[in-house]
Amino acid sequence: VDNISRVIPANLKASIDLSKIKPNSIFRWLYSQGINNKEMIKTFNCGVGFCIIIDKKNKNKIKKFFTKEYKPYEIGYISNSMKKINLYNRIKW
């Protein structure tokens, strides 16, 4: 969340749908040990390695550069707003 807010211009907002994040087993285990959602997002990024912010029309072009194991998937969108980050829904642990 912190990195995304640093890379988008001040007049834009990143809306991230937490239900679209696909945490792998180590992050599900950490969560099961009592680490709350806020800490999982802040410290571990819930297993999201990195975010690519692209024009939606280029989504299929980008995917061809990744192996099946690391296929990118959409978790949000950018829109006009002075609020930098909007997290909504819940992570499906």
N, C-alpha and C. Protein backbone atom coordinates (compact mmCIF):
# COMPACT_ATOMS: atom_id res chain seq x y z
N VAL A 1 0.83 -1.19 0.00
CA VAL A 1 0.00 0.00 0.00
C VAL A 1 0.88 1.26 0.00
N ASP A 2 1.92 1.28 0.82
CA ASP A 2 2.78 2.46 0.89
C ASP A 2 3.49 2.71 -0.44
N ASN A 3 3.99 1.66 -1.06
CA ASN A 3 4.70 1.84 -2.33
C ASN A 3 3.77 2.32 -3.43
N ILE A 4 2.58 1.78 -3.47
CA ILE A 4 1.63 2.21 -4.50
C ILE A 4 1.30 3.69 -4.34
N SER A 5 1.08 4.13 -3.11
CA SER A 5 0.74 5.54 -2.90
C SER A 5 1.89 6.47 -3.28
N ARG A 6 3.12 5.97 -3.25
CA ARG A 6 4.26 6.80 -3.65
C ARG A 6 4.41 6.92 -5.16
N VAL A 7 3.92 5.97 -5.92
CA VAL A 7 4.15 5.99 -7.37
C VAL A 7 3.02 6.60 -8.18
N ILE A 8 1.85 6.74 -7.61
CA ILE A 8 0.76 7.34 -8.38
C ILE A 8 0.71 8.84 -8.12
N PRO A 9 0.38 9.64 -9.13
CA PRO A 9 0.28 11.09 -8.94
C PRO A 9 -0.76 11.48 -7.90
N ALA A 10 -0.60 12.66 -7.34
CA ALA A 10 -1.45 13.13 -6.25
C ALA A 10 -2.93 13.20 -6.61
N ASN A 11 -3.26 13.37 -7.87
CA ASN A 11 -4.66 13.51 -8.27
C ASN A 11 -5.32 12.17 -8.63
N LEU A 12 -4.62 11.06 -8.34
CA LEU A 12 -5.17 9.74 -8.67
C LEU A 12 -5.29 8.87 -7.43
N LYS A 13 -6.16 7.87 -7.53
CA LYS A 13 -6.41 6.95 -6.42
C LYS A 13 -6.30 5.53 -6.93
N ALA A 14 -5.68 4.67 -6.14
CA ALA A 14 -5.64 3.24 -6.43
C ALA A 14 -6.72 2.57 -5.58
N SER A 15 -7.64 1.90 -6.22
CA SER A 15 -8.67 1.13 -5.53
C SER A 15 -8.28 -0.34 -5.64
N ILE A 16 -8.08 -0.98 -4.50
CA ILE A 16 -7.60 -2.36 -4.47
C ILE A 16 -8.67 -3.25 -3.85
N ASP A 17 -9.07 -4.25 -4.60
CA ASP A 17 -10.07 -5.22 -4.14
C ASP A 17 -9.33 -6.36 -3.43
N LEU A 18 -9.34 -6.33 -2.12
CA LEU A 18 -8.60 -7.33 -1.34
C LEU A 18 -9.07 -8.76 -1.60
N SER A 19 -10.30 -8.93 -2.03
CA SER A 19 -10.81 -10.29 -2.29
C SER A 19 -10.17 -10.91 -3.53
N LYS A 20 -9.50 -10.10 -4.35
CA LYS A 20 -8.86 -10.63 -5.55
C LYS A 20 -7.41 -11.07 -5.31
N ILE A 21 -6.87 -10.75 -4.15
CA ILE A 21 -5.51 -11.16 -3.81
C ILE A 21 -5.51 -12.67 -3.58
N LYS A 22 -4.49 -13.34 -4.10
CA LYS A 22 -4.39 -14.80 -4.01
C LYS A 22 -3.21 -15.18 -3.11
N PRO A 23 -3.42 -15.15 -1.78
CA PRO A 23 -2.29 -15.46 -0.88
C PRO A 23 -1.92 -16.94 -0.96
N ASN A 24 -0.61 -17.22 -0.99
CA ASN A 24 -0.20 -18.63 -1.00
C ASN A 24 -0.15 -19.17 0.42
N SER A 25 0.21 -20.42 0.56
CA SER A 25 0.07 -21.13 1.83
C SER A 25 0.85 -20.51 2.99
N ILE A 26 2.05 -19.99 2.75
CA ILE A 26 2.82 -19.41 3.86
C ILE A 26 2.12 -18.20 4.44
N PHE A 27 1.46 -17.40 3.60
CA PHE A 27 0.75 -16.22 4.10
C PHE A 27 -0.56 -16.60 4.77
N ARG A 28 -1.22 -17.65 4.28
CA ARG A 28 -2.42 -18.15 4.98
C ARG A 28 -2.03 -18.68 6.36
N TRP A 29 -0.88 -19.37 6.44
CA TRP A 29 -0.40 -19.88 7.72
C TRP A 29 -0.09 -18.74 8.68
N LEU A 30 0.63 -17.72 8.22
CA LEU A 30 0.93 -16.56 9.07
C LEU A 30 -0.34 -15.94 9.60
N TYR A 31 -1.33 -15.77 8.74
CA TYR A 31 -2.60 -15.20 9.16
C TYR A 31 -3.26 -16.09 10.22
N SER A 32 -3.18 -17.40 10.04
CA SER A 32 -3.79 -18.33 11.00
C SER A 32 -3.11 -18.28 12.37
N GLN A 33 -1.90 -17.76 12.43
CA GLN A 33 -1.17 -17.66 13.69
C GLN A 33 -1.52 -16.39 14.47
N GLY A 34 -2.48 -15.63 13.97
CA GLY A 34 -2.98 -14.48 14.72
C GLY A 34 -2.54 -13.12 14.22
N ILE A 35 -1.88 -13.06 13.08
CA ILE A 35 -1.51 -11.77 12.51
C ILE A 35 -2.74 -11.18 11.84
N ASN A 36 -3.09 -9.95 12.18
CA ASN A 36 -4.33 -9.37 11.66
C ASN A 36 -4.16 -8.89 10.21
N ASN A 37 -5.29 -8.62 9.56
CA ASN A 37 -5.29 -8.20 8.16
C ASN A 37 -4.43 -6.98 7.92
N LYS A 38 -4.55 -5.98 8.77
CA LYS A 38 -3.79 -4.73 8.59
C LYS A 38 -2.29 -5.01 8.58
N GLU A 39 -1.82 -5.83 9.49
CA GLU A 39 -0.40 -6.17 9.55
C GLU A 39 0.02 -7.04 8.37
N MET A 40 -0.84 -7.95 7.95
CA MET A 40 -0.52 -8.78 6.78
C MET A 40 -0.34 -7.91 5.53
N ILE A 41 -1.18 -6.90 5.40
CA ILE A 41 -1.08 -6.00 4.25
C ILE A 41 0.17 -5.14 4.35
N LYS A 42 0.40 -4.56 5.52
CA LYS A 42 1.52 -3.63 5.69
C LYS A 42 2.88 -4.34 5.63
N THR A 43 3.03 -5.43 6.34
CA THR A 43 4.33 -6.09 6.47
C THR A 43 4.61 -7.08 5.36
N PHE A 44 3.65 -7.88 5.00
CA PHE A 44 3.88 -8.98 4.07
C PHE A 44 3.25 -8.77 2.69
N ASN A 45 2.52 -7.69 2.50
CA ASN A 45 1.81 -7.45 1.23
C ASN A 45 0.91 -8.62 0.85
N CYS A 46 0.59 -9.47 1.79
CA CYS A 46 -0.27 -10.63 1.57
C CYS A 46 0.25 -11.53 0.45
N GLY A 47 1.53 -11.45 0.21
CA GLY A 47 2.13 -12.29 -0.82
C GLY A 47 2.14 -11.67 -2.21
N VAL A 48 1.61 -10.47 -2.35
CA VAL A 48 1.66 -9.79 -3.65
C VAL A 48 3.11 -9.33 -3.83
N GLY A 49 3.80 -9.92 -4.79
CA GLY A 49 5.21 -9.62 -5.00
C GLY A 49 5.46 -8.21 -5.46
N PHE A 50 4.73 -7.78 -6.45
CA PHE A 50 4.83 -6.41 -6.93
C PHE A 50 3.59 -6.09 -7.75
N CYS A 51 3.37 -4.81 -7.97
CA CYS A 51 2.23 -4.36 -8.75
C CYS A 51 2.72 -3.70 -10.02
N ILE A 52 2.05 -3.99 -11.09
CA ILE A 52 2.30 -3.32 -12.37
C ILE A 52 1.07 -2.47 -12.65
N ILE A 53 1.29 -1.19 -12.82
CA ILE A 53 0.18 -0.29 -13.12
C ILE A 53 0.26 0.01 -14.62
N ILE A 54 -0.75 -0.47 -15.34
CA ILE A 54 -0.75 -0.36 -16.80
C ILE A 54 -2.11 0.10 -17.30
N ASP A 55 -2.14 0.52 -18.53
CA ASP A 55 -3.40 0.78 -19.21
C ASP A 55 -4.08 -0.57 -19.41
N LYS A 56 -5.35 -0.65 -19.07
CA LYS A 56 -6.07 -1.92 -19.14
C LYS A 56 -5.99 -2.58 -20.52
N LYS A 57 -5.88 -1.79 -21.57
CA LYS A 57 -5.81 -2.36 -22.92
C LYS A 57 -4.52 -3.15 -23.15
N ASN A 58 -3.52 -3.00 -22.27
CA ASN A 58 -2.24 -3.72 -22.42
C ASN A 58 -2.14 -4.96 -21.53
N LYS A 59 -3.22 -5.31 -20.86
CA LYS A 59 -3.20 -6.42 -19.91
C LYS A 59 -2.74 -7.73 -20.55
N ASN A 60 -3.26 -8.10 -21.67
CA ASN A 60 -2.87 -9.37 -22.32
C ASN A 60 -1.44 -9.33 -22.84
N LYS A 61 -0.98 -8.18 -23.29
CA LYS A 61 0.41 -8.05 -23.75
C LYS A 61 1.39 -8.32 -22.61
N ILE A 62 1.10 -7.83 -21.44
CA ILE A 62 1.97 -8.00 -20.27
C ILE A 62 2.02 -9.45 -19.83
N LYS A 63 0.89 -10.13 -19.83
CA LYS A 63 0.82 -11.51 -19.32
C LYS A 63 1.76 -12.47 -20.04
N LYS A 64 2.03 -12.24 -21.30
CA LYS A 64 2.86 -13.17 -22.05
C LYS A 64 4.32 -13.19 -21.60
N PHE A 65 4.73 -12.24 -20.80
CA PHE A 65 6.11 -12.17 -20.32
C PHE A 65 6.33 -12.94 -19.01
N PHE A 66 5.29 -13.55 -18.47
CA PHE A 66 5.38 -14.24 -17.19
C PHE A 66 5.13 -15.74 -17.36
N THR A 67 5.76 -16.54 -16.50
CA THR A 67 5.50 -17.97 -16.50
C THR A 67 4.15 -18.23 -15.84
N LYS A 68 3.64 -19.43 -15.99
CA LYS A 68 2.35 -19.79 -15.40
C LYS A 68 2.36 -19.59 -13.88
N GLU A 69 3.47 -19.92 -13.26
CA GLU A 69 3.60 -19.79 -11.81
C GLU A 69 3.47 -18.34 -11.34
N TYR A 70 3.86 -17.41 -12.16
CA TYR A 70 3.88 -16.00 -11.77
C TYR A 70 2.98 -15.13 -12.64
N LYS A 71 1.91 -15.70 -13.16
CA LYS A 71 0.99 -14.94 -14.00
C LYS A 71 0.41 -13.76 -13.22
N PRO A 72 0.46 -12.57 -13.79
CA PRO A 72 -0.16 -11.41 -13.11
C PRO A 72 -1.68 -11.52 -13.15
N TYR A 73 -2.30 -10.92 -12.17
CA TYR A 73 -3.75 -10.87 -12.14
C TYR A 73 -4.18 -9.52 -11.60
N GLU A 74 -5.34 -9.09 -11.99
CA GLU A 74 -5.84 -7.77 -11.65
C GLU A 74 -6.38 -7.74 -10.23
N ILE A 75 -5.94 -6.74 -9.45
CA ILE A 75 -6.46 -6.58 -8.09
C ILE A 75 -7.09 -5.21 -7.87
N GLY A 76 -7.05 -4.35 -8.87
CA GLY A 76 -7.63 -3.03 -8.68
C GLY A 76 -7.54 -2.16 -9.91
N TYR A 77 -7.77 -0.88 -9.67
CA TYR A 77 -7.77 0.07 -10.78
C TYR A 77 -7.39 1.46 -10.25
N ILE A 78 -7.01 2.33 -11.17
CA ILE A 78 -6.65 3.71 -10.86
C ILE A 78 -7.78 4.62 -11.34
N SER A 79 -8.12 5.61 -10.53
CA SER A 79 -9.16 6.57 -10.92
C SER A 79 -8.79 7.96 -10.40
N ASN A 80 -9.56 8.95 -10.82
CA ASN A 80 -9.33 10.33 -10.37
C ASN A 80 -9.89 10.50 -8.97
N SER A 81 -9.05 11.01 -8.07
CA SER A 81 -9.48 11.30 -6.71
C SER A 81 -8.27 11.83 -5.94
N MET A 82 -8.51 12.59 -4.92
CA MET A 82 -7.41 13.07 -4.07
C MET A 82 -7.04 12.04 -3.01
N LYS A 83 -7.91 11.07 -2.76
CA LYS A 83 -7.60 10.00 -1.81
C LYS A 83 -6.68 9.03 -2.52
N LYS A 84 -5.52 8.71 -1.92
CA LYS A 84 -4.51 7.91 -2.59
C LYS A 84 -4.86 6.43 -2.73
N ILE A 85 -5.36 5.82 -1.67
CA ILE A 85 -5.59 4.37 -1.66
C ILE A 85 -6.98 4.08 -1.11
N ASN A 86 -7.67 3.16 -1.77
CA ASN A 86 -8.95 2.68 -1.28
C ASN A 86 -8.88 1.15 -1.27
N LEU A 87 -8.88 0.57 -0.08
CA LEU A 87 -8.91 -0.89 0.06
C LEU A 87 -10.35 -1.29 0.33
N TYR A 88 -10.84 -2.28 -0.40
CA TYR A 88 -12.21 -2.72 -0.15
C TYR A 88 -12.32 -4.23 -0.25
N ASN A 89 -13.40 -4.76 0.30
CA ASN A 89 -13.63 -6.20 0.46
C ASN A 89 -12.61 -6.81 1.42
N ARG A 90 -12.61 -8.12 1.54
CA ARG A 90 -11.73 -8.80 2.49
C ARG A 90 -10.88 -9.84 1.77
N ILE A 91 -9.71 -10.08 2.30
CA ILE A 91 -8.85 -11.12 1.76
C ILE A 91 -9.48 -12.48 2.06
N LYS A 92 -9.47 -13.37 1.10
CA LYS A 92 -10.03 -14.71 1.27
C LYS A 92 -8.91 -15.64 1.74
N TRP A 93 -8.77 -15.76 3.04
CA TRP A 93 -7.72 -16.61 3.59
C TRP A 93 -8.10 -18.06 3.48
